[in-house]
Amino acid sequence: GGRTEITDVKTNEEVQELGRFAVEEYNRSHGLGRWRGFVSSSNGRRAELVFSRVLEAQKQVVSGIKYYLKIEAMENKLSKTFESVVVVKPWLHSKELLHFSPSAE
């Protein structure tokens, strides 16, 4: 099926939690996180992202539900926007981050 706009993004707890999950998975996959201490970008490494909120979201029913999220997160105390794709398979109790990158805007 095609993508469907999620209109209640700001109050939709599931969507906001998926945004938080996407940021945490991004940090984990890049070796960033509180458990590793503060990572400064001044030494050429990425800084940990801190989730703020999901700004926009769409969903698509595939083999599971694919969520397309526009996420606001803080990096070095600056607000930045990111695009991410998360697939949820409720019957397997699984979530997977497929894509996470800075927004083109």
PDB file of N, CA and C in Angstrom:
ATOM      1  N   GLY A   1       0.810  -1.199   0.000  1.00  0.00           N
ATOM      2  CA  GLY A   1       0.000   0.000   0.000  1.00  0.00           C
ATOM      3  C   GLY A   1       0.842   1.246   0.000  1.00  0.00           C
ATOM      4  N   GLY A   2       0.165   2.367  -0.227  1.00  0.00           N
ATOM      5  CA  GLY A   2       0.846   3.655  -0.239  1.00  0.00           C
ATOM      6  C   GLY A   2       1.051   4.214   1.156  1.00  0.00           C
ATOM      7  N   ARG A   3       1.748   5.323   1.217  1.00  0.00           N
ATOM      8  CA  ARG A   3       1.998   5.990   2.494  1.00  0.00           C
ATOM      9  C   ARG A   3       0.771   6.761   2.949  1.00  0.00           C
ATOM     10  N   THR A   4       0.547   6.775   4.260  1.00  0.00           N
ATOM     11  CA  THR A   4      -0.556   7.515   4.868  1.00  0.00           C
ATOM     12  C   THR A   4       0.016   8.514   5.864  1.00  0.00           C
ATOM     13  N   GLU A   5      -0.440   9.760   5.769  1.00  0.00           N
ATOM     14  CA  GLU A   5       0.008  10.798   6.702  1.00  0.00           C
ATOM     15  C   GLU A   5      -0.540  10.504   8.097  1.00  0.00           C
ATOM     16  N   ILE A   6       0.308  10.665   9.113  1.00  0.00           N
ATOM     17  CA  ILE A   6      -0.139  10.539  10.503  1.00  0.00           C
ATOM     18  C   ILE A   6      -0.371  11.961  10.994  1.00  0.00           C
ATOM     19  N   THR A   7      -1.626  12.287  11.274  1.00  0.00           N
ATOM     20  CA  THR A   7      -1.978  13.686  11.549  1.00  0.00           C
ATOM     21  C   THR A   7      -1.788  14.099  13.006  1.00  0.00           C
ATOM     22  N   ASP A   8      -1.816  13.142  13.926  1.00  0.00           N
ATOM     23  CA  ASP A   8      -1.712  13.495  15.349  1.00  0.00           C
ATOM     24  C   ASP A   8      -0.297  13.272  15.896  1.00  0.00           C
ATOM     25  N   VAL A   9       0.713  13.606  15.080  1.00  0.00           N
ATOM     26  CA  VAL A   9       2.108  13.315  15.417  1.00  0.00           C
ATOM     27  C   VAL A   9       2.497  13.804  16.807  1.00  0.00           C
ATOM     28  N   LYS A  10       2.159  15.050  17.130  1.00  0.00           N
ATOM     29  CA  LYS A  10       2.607  15.636  18.403  1.00  0.00           C
ATOM     30  C   LYS A  10       2.062  14.901  19.616  1.00  0.00           C
ATOM     31  N   THR A  11       0.851  14.344  19.516  1.00  0.00           N
ATOM     32  CA  THR A  11       0.230  13.674  20.659  1.00  0.00           C
ATOM     33  C   THR A  11       0.263  12.153  20.544  1.00  0.00           C
ATOM     34  N   ASN A  12       0.777  11.627  19.439  1.00  0.00           N
ATOM     35  CA  ASN A  12       0.812  10.182  19.219  1.00  0.00           C
ATOM     36  C   ASN A  12       2.029   9.592  19.936  1.00  0.00           C
ATOM     37  N   GLU A  13       1.784   8.936  21.076  1.00  0.00           N
ATOM     38  CA  GLU A  13       2.880   8.419  21.896  1.00  0.00           C
ATOM     39  C   GLU A  13       3.691   7.358  21.169  1.00  0.00           C
ATOM     40  N   GLU A  14       3.031   6.503  20.384  1.00  0.00           N
ATOM     41  CA  GLU A  14       3.758   5.456  19.656  1.00  0.00           C
ATOM     42  C   GLU A  14       4.745   6.071  18.672  1.00  0.00           C
ATOM     43  N   VAL A  15       4.307   7.086  17.936  1.00  0.00           N
ATOM     44  CA  VAL A  15       5.169   7.744  16.955  1.00  0.00           C
ATOM     45  C   VAL A  15       6.337   8.440  17.653  1.00  0.00           C
ATOM     46  N   GLN A  16       6.066   9.131  18.757  1.00  0.00           N
ATOM     47  CA  GLN A  16       7.138   9.803  19.490  1.00  0.00           C
ATOM     48  C   GLN A  16       8.150   8.789  20.035  1.00  0.00           C
ATOM     49  N   GLU A  17       7.662   7.649  20.519  1.00  0.00           N
ATOM     50  CA  GLU A  17       8.567   6.601  21.019  1.00  0.00           C
ATOM     51  C   GLU A  17       9.402   6.008  19.884  1.00  0.00           C
ATOM     52  N   LEU A  18       8.817   5.881  18.692  1.00  0.00           N
ATOM     53  CA  LEU A  18       9.581   5.386  17.542  1.00  0.00           C
ATOM     54  C   LEU A  18      10.683   6.373  17.166  1.00  0.00           C
ATOM     55  N   GLY A  19      10.396   7.658  17.284  1.00  0.00           N
ATOM     56  CA  GLY A  19      11.421   8.672  17.033  1.00  0.00           C
ATOM     57  C   GLY A  19      12.564   8.557  18.027  1.00  0.00           C
ATOM     58  N   ARG A  20      12.218   8.388  19.300  1.00  0.00           N
ATOM     59  CA  ARG A  20      13.241   8.209  20.343  1.00  0.00           C
ATOM     60  C   ARG A  20      14.073   6.952  20.051  1.00  0.00           C
ATOM     61  N   PHE A  21      13.390   5.860  19.666  1.00  0.00           N
ATOM     62  CA  PHE A  21      14.067   4.610  19.317  1.00  0.00           C
ATOM     63  C   PHE A  21      15.052   4.841  18.169  1.00  0.00           C
ATOM     64  N   ALA A  22      14.629   5.569  17.127  1.00  0.00           N
ATOM     65  CA  ALA A  22      15.482   5.817  15.961  1.00  0.00           C
ATOM     66  C   ALA A  22      16.759   6.549  16.364  1.00  0.00           C
ATOM     67  N   VAL A  23      16.633   7.568  17.210  1.00  0.00           N
ATOM     68  CA  VAL A  23      17.803   8.330  17.662  1.00  0.00           C
ATOM     69  C   VAL A  23      18.718   7.439  18.506  1.00  0.00           C
ATOM     70  N   GLU A  24      18.143   6.656  19.414  1.00  0.00           N
ATOM     71  CA  GLU A  24      18.949   5.767  20.256  1.00  0.00           C
ATOM     72  C   GLU A  24      19.684   4.720  19.418  1.00  0.00           C
ATOM     73  N   GLU A  25      19.003   4.160  18.414  1.00  0.00           N
ATOM     74  CA  GLU A  25      19.641   3.170  17.536  1.00  0.00           C
ATOM     75  C   GLU A  25      20.763   3.805  16.721  1.00  0.00           C
ATOM     76  N   TYR A  26      20.536   5.032  16.239  1.00  0.00           N
ATOM     77  CA  TYR A  26      21.583   5.745  15.500  1.00  0.00           C
ATOM     78  C   TYR A  26      22.808   5.919  16.392  1.00  0.00           C
ATOM     79  N   ASN A  27      22.592   6.411  17.612  1.00  0.00           N
ATOM     80  CA  ASN A  27      23.711   6.609  18.542  1.00  0.00           C
ATOM     81  C   ASN A  27      24.441   5.291  18.794  1.00  0.00           C
ATOM     82  N   ARG A  28      23.673   4.230  19.045  1.00  0.00           N
ATOM     83  CA  ARG A  28      24.268   2.926  19.356  1.00  0.00           C
ATOM     84  C   ARG A  28      25.091   2.403  18.177  1.00  0.00           C
ATOM     85  N   SER A  29      24.549   2.533  16.974  1.00  0.00           N
ATOM     86  CA  SER A  29      25.242   1.999  15.798  1.00  0.00           C
ATOM     87  C   SER A  29      26.502   2.791  15.451  1.00  0.00           C
ATOM     88  N   HIS A  30      26.604   4.021  15.957  1.00  0.00           N
ATOM     89  CA  HIS A  30      27.789   4.841  15.705  1.00  0.00           C
ATOM     90  C   HIS A  30      28.708   4.904  16.924  1.00  0.00           C
ATOM     91  N   GLY A  31      28.459   4.037  17.906  1.00  0.00           N
ATOM     92  CA  GLY A  31      29.316   4.001  19.092  1.00  0.00           C
ATOM     93  C   GLY A  31      29.193   5.234  19.958  1.00  0.00           C
ATOM     94  N   LEU A  32      28.044   5.903  19.865  1.00  0.00           N
ATOM     95  CA  LEU A  32      27.818   7.107  20.659  1.00  0.00           C
ATOM     96  C   LEU A  32      26.838   6.780  21.763  1.00  0.00           C
ATOM     97  N   GLY A  33      26.983   7.422  22.876  1.00  0.00           N
ATOM     98  CA  GLY A  33      26.021   7.191  23.941  1.00  0.00           C
ATOM     99  C   GLY A  33      26.585   7.582  25.282  1.00  0.00           C
ATOM    100  N   ARG A  34      25.697   7.755  26.208  1.00  0.00           N
ATOM    101  CA  ARG A  34      26.092   8.201  27.537  1.00  0.00           C
ATOM    102  C   ARG A  34      27.051   7.226  28.211  1.00  0.00           C
ATOM    103  N   TRP A  35      26.885   5.915  27.898  1.00  0.00           N
ATOM    104  CA  TRP A  35      27.746   4.928  28.540  1.00  0.00           C
ATOM    105  C   TRP A  35      29.198   5.050  28.080  1.00  0.00           C
ATOM    106  N   ARG A  36      29.449   5.744  26.992  1.00  0.00           N
ATOM    107  CA  ARG A  36      30.817   5.933  26.499  1.00  0.00           C
ATOM    108  C   ARG A  36      31.376   7.293  26.902  1.00  0.00           C
ATOM    109  N   GLY A  37      30.616   8.033  27.675  1.00  0.00           N
ATOM    110  CA  GLY A  37      31.071   9.369  28.054  1.00  0.00           C
ATOM    111  C   GLY A  37      30.747  10.380  26.970  1.00  0.00           C
ATOM    112  N   PHE A  38      31.083  11.608  27.200  1.00  0.00           N
ATOM    113  CA  PHE A  38      30.783  12.672  26.242  1.00  0.00           C
ATOM    114  C   PHE A  38      31.696  12.558  25.032  1.00  0.00           C
ATOM    115  N   VAL A  39      31.117  12.634  23.861  1.00  0.00           N
ATOM    116  CA  VAL A  39      31.888  12.598  22.621  1.00  0.00           C
ATOM    117  C   VAL A  39      31.789  13.972  21.975  1.00  0.00           C
ATOM    118  N   SER A  40      32.915  14.603  21.792  1.00  0.00           N
ATOM    119  CA  SER A  40      32.931  15.946  21.217  1.00  0.00           C
ATOM    120  C   SER A  40      33.198  15.872  19.724  1.00  0.00           C
ATOM    121  N   SER A  41      32.533  16.725  18.963  1.00  0.00           N
ATOM    122  CA  SER A  41      32.784  16.736  17.524  1.00  0.00           C
ATOM    123  C   SER A  41      34.040  17.539  17.200  1.00  0.00           C
ATOM    124  N   SER A  42      34.617  18.226  18.179  1.00  0.00           N
ATOM    125  CA  SER A  42      35.818  19.017  17.926  1.00  0.00           C
ATOM    126  C   SER A  42      37.011  18.120  17.597  1.00  0.00           C
ATOM    127  N   ASN A  43      36.938  16.845  17.993  1.00  0.00           N
ATOM    128  CA  ASN A  43      38.032  15.928  17.670  1.00  0.00           C
ATOM    129  C   ASN A  43      37.729  15.144  16.393  1.00  0.00           C
ATOM    130  N   GLY A  44      36.759  15.614  15.626  1.00  0.00           N
ATOM    131  CA  GLY A  44      36.437  14.989  14.354  1.00  0.00           C
ATOM    132  C   GLY A  44      35.448  13.841  14.452  1.00  0.00           C
ATOM    133  N   ARG A  45      34.983  13.526  15.651  1.00  0.00           N
ATOM    134  CA  ARG A  45      34.010  12.451  15.818  1.00  0.00           C
ATOM    135  C   ARG A  45      32.625  13.051  15.975  1.00  0.00           C
ATOM    136  N   ARG A  46      31.624  12.241  15.675  1.00  0.00           N
ATOM    137  CA  ARG A  46      30.243  12.711  15.818  1.00  0.00           C
ATOM    138  C   ARG A  46      29.874  12.842  17.285  1.00  0.00           C
ATOM    139  N   ALA A  47      28.987  13.774  17.561  1.00  0.00           N
ATOM    140  CA  ALA A  47      28.462  13.917  18.914  1.00  0.00           C
ATOM    141  C   ALA A  47      27.165  13.125  19.030  1.00  0.00           C
ATOM    142  N   GLU A  48      26.876  12.685  20.222  1.00  0.00           N
ATOM    143  CA  GLU A  48      25.638  11.960  20.481  1.00  0.00           C
ATOM    144  C   GLU A  48      24.442  12.855  20.174  1.00  0.00           C
ATOM    145  N   LEU A  49      23.406  12.283  19.570  1.00  0.00           N
ATOM    146  CA  LEU A  49      22.165  13.012  19.325  1.00  0.00           C
ATOM    147  C   LEU A  49      21.245  12.833  20.519  1.00  0.00           C
ATOM    148  N   VAL A  50      20.517  13.886  20.851  1.00  0.00           N
ATOM    149  CA  VAL A  50      19.538  13.844  21.938  1.00  0.00           C
ATOM    150  C   VAL A  50      18.163  14.097  21.325  1.00  0.00           C
ATOM    151  N   PHE A  51      17.270  13.117  21.446  1.00  0.00           N
ATOM    152  CA  PHE A  51      15.931  13.200  20.850  1.00  0.00           C
ATOM    153  C   PHE A  51      15.158  14.390  21.405  1.00  0.00           C
ATOM    154  N   SER A  52      14.512  15.142  20.504  1.00  0.00           N
ATOM    155  CA  SER A  52      13.610  16.217  20.916  1.00  0.00           C
ATOM    156  C   SER A  52      12.169  15.789  20.664  1.00  0.00           C
ATOM    157  N   ARG A  53      11.818  15.592  19.365  1.00  0.00           N
ATOM    158  CA  ARG A  53      10.439  15.211  19.034  1.00  0.00           C
ATOM    159  C   ARG A  53      10.357  14.804  17.572  1.00  0.00           C
ATOM    160  N   VAL A  54       9.281  14.099  17.234  1.00  0.00           N
ATOM    161  CA  VAL A  54       8.979  13.791  15.835  1.00  0.00           C
ATOM    162  C   VAL A  54       8.148  14.953  15.309  1.00  0.00           C
ATOM    163  N   LEU A  55       8.554  15.514  14.184  1.00  0.00           N
ATOM    164  CA  LEU A  55       7.869  16.667  13.593  1.00  0.00           C
ATOM    165  C   LEU A  55       6.775  16.244  12.621  1.00  0.00           C
ATOM    166  N   GLU A  56       7.056  15.224  11.809  1.00  0.00           N
ATOM    167  CA  GLU A  56       6.109  14.727  10.809  1.00  0.00           C
ATOM    168  C   GLU A  56       6.260  13.217  10.729  1.00  0.00           C
ATOM    169  N   ALA A  57       5.200  12.527  10.330  1.00  0.00           N
ATOM    170  CA  ALA A  57       5.286  11.072  10.188  1.00  0.00           C
ATOM    171  C   ALA A  57       4.287  10.568   9.157  1.00  0.00           C
ATOM    172  N   GLN A  58       4.688   9.510   8.472  1.00  0.00           N
ATOM    173  CA  GLN A  58       3.822   8.779   7.555  1.00  0.00           C
ATOM    174  C   GLN A  58       4.001   7.305   7.868  1.00  0.00           C
ATOM    175  N   LYS A  59       2.995   6.497   7.519  1.00  0.00           N
ATOM    176  CA  LYS A  59       3.161   5.055   7.684  1.00  0.00           C
ATOM    177  C   LYS A  59       2.718   4.347   6.425  1.00  0.00           C
ATOM    178  N   GLN A  60       3.265   3.151   6.245  1.00  0.00           N
ATOM    179  CA  GLN A  60       2.975   2.340   5.068  1.00  0.00           C
ATOM    180  C   GLN A  60       2.897   0.892   5.537  1.00  0.00           C
ATOM    181  N   VAL A  61       1.827   0.213   5.166  1.00  0.00           N
ATOM    182  CA  VAL A  61       1.688  -1.190   5.542  1.00  0.00           C
ATOM    183  C   VAL A  61       2.412  -2.032   4.500  1.00  0.00           C
ATOM    184  N   VAL A  62       3.450  -2.732   4.950  1.00  0.00           N
ATOM    185  CA  VAL A  62       4.212  -3.656   4.103  1.00  0.00           C
ATOM    186  C   VAL A  62       4.190  -4.986   4.858  1.00  0.00           C
ATOM    187  N   SER A  63       5.314  -5.674   4.983  1.00  0.00           N
ATOM    188  CA  SER A  63       5.347  -6.851   5.869  1.00  0.00           C
ATOM    189  C   SER A  63       5.668  -6.301   7.254  1.00  0.00           C
ATOM    190  N   GLY A  64       4.674  -5.680   7.838  1.00  0.00           N
ATOM    191  CA  GLY A  64       4.828  -4.902   9.058  1.00  0.00           C
ATOM    192  C   GLY A  64       4.355  -3.496   8.743  1.00  0.00           C
ATOM    193  N   ILE A  65       4.698  -2.551   9.594  1.00  0.00           N
ATOM    194  CA  ILE A  65       4.341  -1.155   9.333  1.00  0.00           C
ATOM    195  C   ILE A  65       5.631  -0.361   9.242  1.00  0.00           C
ATOM    196  N   LYS A  66       5.812   0.309   8.120  1.00  0.00           N
ATOM    197  CA  LYS A  66       7.000   1.120   7.896  1.00  0.00           C
ATOM    198  C   LYS A  66       6.642   2.566   8.224  1.00  0.00           C
ATOM    199  N   TYR A  67       7.386   3.169   9.141  1.00  0.00           N
ATOM    200  CA  TYR A  67       7.163   4.555   9.544  1.00  0.00           C
ATOM    201  C   TYR A  67       8.261   5.437   8.964  1.00  0.00           C
ATOM    202  N   TYR A  68       7.850   6.515   8.326  1.00  0.00           N
ATOM    203  CA  TYR A  68       8.767   7.523   7.799  1.00  0.00           C
ATOM    204  C   TYR A  68       8.674   8.714   8.742  1.00  0.00           C
ATOM    205  N   LEU A  69       9.754   9.002   9.452  1.00  0.00           N
ATOM    206  CA  LEU A  69       9.712  10.021  10.502  1.00  0.00           C
ATOM    207  C   LEU A  69      10.654  11.177  10.200  1.00  0.00           C
ATOM    208  N   LYS A  70      10.175  12.387  10.414  1.00  0.00           N
ATOM    209  CA  LYS A  70      11.043  13.560  10.414  1.00  0.00           C
ATOM    210  C   LYS A  70      11.249  13.905  11.881  1.00  0.00           C
ATOM    211  N   ILE A  71      12.497  13.834  12.336  1.00  0.00           N
ATOM    212  CA  ILE A  71      12.822  13.936  13.756  1.00  0.00           C
ATOM    213  C   ILE A  71      13.665  15.168  14.034  1.00  0.00           C
ATOM    214  N   GLU A  72      13.341  15.837  15.126  1.00  0.00           N
ATOM    215  CA  GLU A  72      14.182  16.925  15.616  1.00  0.00           C
ATOM    216  C   GLU A  72      15.024  16.368  16.757  1.00  0.00           C
ATOM    217  N   ALA A  73      16.343  16.605  16.692  1.00  0.00           N
ATOM    218  CA  ALA A  73      17.244  16.150  17.748  1.00  0.00           C
ATOM    219  C   ALA A  73      18.322  17.209  17.954  1.00  0.00           C
ATOM    220  N   MET A  74      18.934  17.181  19.123  1.00  0.00           N
ATOM    221  CA  MET A  74      19.989  18.131  19.452  1.00  0.00           C
ATOM    222  C   MET A  74      21.347  17.471  19.239  1.00  0.00           C
ATOM    223  N   GLU A  75      22.252  18.189  18.570  1.00  0.00           N
ATOM    224  CA  GLU A  75      23.631  17.734  18.403  1.00  0.00           C
ATOM    225  C   GLU A  75      24.517  18.906  18.779  1.00  0.00           C
ATOM    226  N   ASN A  76      25.360  18.726  19.785  1.00  0.00           N
ATOM    227  CA  ASN A  76      26.194  19.827  20.294  1.00  0.00           C
ATOM    228  C   ASN A  76      25.350  21.055  20.627  1.00  0.00           C
ATOM    229  N   LYS A  77      24.208  20.823  21.249  1.00  0.00           N
ATOM    230  CA  LYS A  77      23.280  21.872  21.691  1.00  0.00           C
ATOM    231  C   LYS A  77      22.633  22.644  20.544  1.00  0.00           C
ATOM    232  N   LEU A  78      22.748  22.134  19.322  1.00  0.00           N
ATOM    233  CA  LEU A  78      22.095  22.750  18.165  1.00  0.00           C
ATOM    234  C   LEU A  78      20.964  21.847  17.700  1.00  0.00           C
ATOM    235  N   SER A  79      19.817  22.450  17.397  1.00  0.00           N
ATOM    236  CA  SER A  79      18.667  21.687  16.916  1.00  0.00           C
ATOM    237  C   SER A  79      18.866  21.337  15.444  1.00  0.00           C
ATOM    238  N   LYS A  80      18.735  20.052  15.118  1.00  0.00           N
ATOM    239  CA  LYS A  80      18.880  19.595  13.736  1.00  0.00           C
ATOM    240  C   LYS A  80      17.714  18.685  13.391  1.00  0.00           C
ATOM    241  N   THR A  81      17.454  18.527  12.091  1.00  0.00           N
ATOM    242  CA  THR A  81      16.352  17.694  11.623  1.00  0.00           C
ATOM    243  C   THR A  81      16.911  16.490  10.868  1.00  0.00           C
ATOM    244  N   PHE A  82      16.308  15.330  11.112  1.00  0.00           N
ATOM    245  CA  PHE A  82      16.756  14.080  10.503  1.00  0.00           C
ATOM    246  C   PHE A  82      15.572  13.330   9.904  1.00  0.00           C
ATOM    247  N   GLU A  83      15.842  12.545   8.869  1.00  0.00           N
ATOM    248  CA  GLU A  83      14.847  11.669   8.250  1.00  0.00           C
ATOM    249  C   GLU A  83      15.170  10.245   8.687  1.00  0.00           C
ATOM    250  N   SER A  84      14.148   9.486   9.076  1.00  0.00           N
ATOM    251  CA  SER A  84      14.402   8.097   9.441  1.00  0.00           C
ATOM    252  C   SER A  84      13.262   7.206   8.976  1.00  0.00           C
ATOM    253  N   VAL A  85      13.577   5.922   8.845  1.00  0.00           N
ATOM    254  CA  VAL A  85      12.585   4.910   8.496  1.00  0.00           C
ATOM    255  C   VAL A  85      12.725   3.777   9.509  1.00  0.00           C
ATOM    256  N   VAL A  86      11.610   3.444  10.162  1.00  0.00           N
ATOM    257  CA  VAL A  86      11.576   2.363  11.150  1.00  0.00           C
ATOM    258  C   VAL A  86      10.491   1.375  10.728  1.00  0.00           C
ATOM    259  N   VAL A  87      10.819   0.082  10.766  1.00  0.00           N
ATOM    260  CA  VAL A  87       9.822  -0.955  10.478  1.00  0.00           C
ATOM    261  C   VAL A  87       9.438  -1.633  11.783  1.00  0.00           C
ATOM    262  N   VAL A  88       8.123  -1.727  12.022  1.00  0.00           N
ATOM    263  CA  VAL A  88       7.594  -2.383  13.218  1.00  0.00           C
ATOM    264  C   VAL A  88       6.843  -3.638  12.777  1.00  0.00           C
ATOM    265  N   LYS A  89       7.181  -4.759  13.402  1.00  0.00           N
ATOM    266  CA  LYS A  89       6.469  -6.025  13.166  1.00  0.00           C
ATOM    267  C   LYS A  89       5.880  -6.452  14.502  1.00  0.00           C
ATOM    268  N   PRO A  90       4.634  -5.999  14.784  1.00  0.00           N
ATOM    269  CA  PRO A  90       4.035  -6.237  16.104  1.00  0.00           C
ATOM    270  C   PRO A  90       3.969  -7.712  16.494  1.00  0.00           C
ATOM    271  N   TRP A  91       3.698  -8.588  15.523  1.00  0.00           N
ATOM    272  CA  TRP A  91       3.567 -10.009  15.850  1.00  0.00           C
ATOM    273  C   TRP A  91       4.905 -10.632  16.260  1.00  0.00           C
ATOM    274  N   LEU A  92       6.036  -9.973  15.919  1.00  0.00           N
ATOM    275  CA  LEU A  92       7.360 -10.450  16.327  1.00  0.00           C
ATOM    276  C   LEU A  92       7.918  -9.609  17.473  1.00  0.00           C
ATOM    277  N   HIS A  93       7.145  -8.605  17.884  1.00  0.00           N
ATOM    278  CA  HIS A  93       7.601  -7.653  18.908  1.00  0.00           C
ATOM    279  C   HIS A  93       8.950  -7.049  18.505  1.00  0.00           C
ATOM    280  N   SER A  94       9.078  -6.684  17.222  1.00  0.00           N
ATOM    281  CA  SER A  94      10.360  -6.158  16.757  1.00  0.00           C
ATOM    282  C   SER A  94      10.222  -4.781  16.128  1.00  0.00           C
ATOM    283  N   LYS A  95      11.300  -4.007  16.272  1.00  0.00           N
ATOM    284  CA  LYS A  95      11.446  -2.703  15.635  1.00  0.00           C
ATOM    285  C   LYS A  95      12.831  -2.689  15.008  1.00  0.00           C
ATOM    286  N   GLU A  96      12.931  -2.131  13.804  1.00  0.00           N
ATOM    287  CA  GLU A  96      14.232  -2.063  13.148  1.00  0.00           C
ATOM    288  C   GLU A  96      14.398  -0.711  12.478  1.00  0.00           C
ATOM    289  N   LEU A  97      15.529  -0.078  12.725  1.00  0.00           N
ATOM    290  CA  LEU A  97      15.862   1.182  12.075  1.00  0.00           C
ATOM    291  C   LEU A  97      16.476   0.862  10.718  1.00  0.00           C
ATOM    292  N   LEU A  98      15.812   1.298   9.632  1.00  0.00           N
ATOM    293  CA  LEU A  98      16.307   1.032   8.280  1.00  0.00           C
ATOM    294  C   LEU A  98      17.128   2.182   7.732  1.00  0.00           C
ATOM    295  N   HIS A  99      16.789   3.398   8.135  1.00  0.00           N
ATOM    296  CA  HIS A  99      17.444   4.580   7.561  1.00  0.00           C
ATOM    297  C   HIS A  99      17.450   5.707   8.581  1.00  0.00           C
ATOM    298  N   PHE A 100      18.560   6.451   8.638  1.00  0.00           N
ATOM    299  CA  PHE A 100      18.644   7.629   9.505  1.00  0.00           C
ATOM    300  C   PHE A 100      19.688   8.551   8.904  1.00  0.00           C
ATOM    301  N   SER A 101      19.282   9.762   8.526  1.00  0.00           N
ATOM    302  CA  SER A 101      20.237  10.702   7.938  1.00  0.00           C
ATOM    303  C   SER A 101      19.762  12.134   8.167  1.00  0.00           C
ATOM    304  N   PRO A 102      20.697  13.096   8.068  1.00  0.00           N
ATOM    305  CA  PRO A 102      20.294  14.503   8.193  1.00  0.00           C
ATOM    306  C   PRO A 102      19.274  14.853   7.118  1.00  0.00           C
ATOM    307  N   SER A 103      18.312  15.684   7.463  1.00  0.00           N
ATOM    308  CA  SER A 103      17.291  16.112   6.517  1.00  0.00           C
ATOM    309  C   SER A 103      17.922  17.020   5.474  1.00  0.00           C
ATOM    310  N   ALA A 104      17.417  16.961   4.256  1.00  0.00           N
ATOM    311  CA  ALA A 104      17.939  17.789   3.167  1.00  0.00           C
ATOM    312  C   ALA A 104      17.558  19.257   3.329  1.00  0.00           C
ATOM    313  N   GLU A 105      16.590  19.532   4.204  1.00  0.00           N
ATOM    314  CA  GLU A 105      16.111  20.913   4.366  1.00  0.00           C
ATOM    315  C   GLU A 105      17.111  21.762   5.103  1.00  0.00           C
TER     316      GLU A 105
END
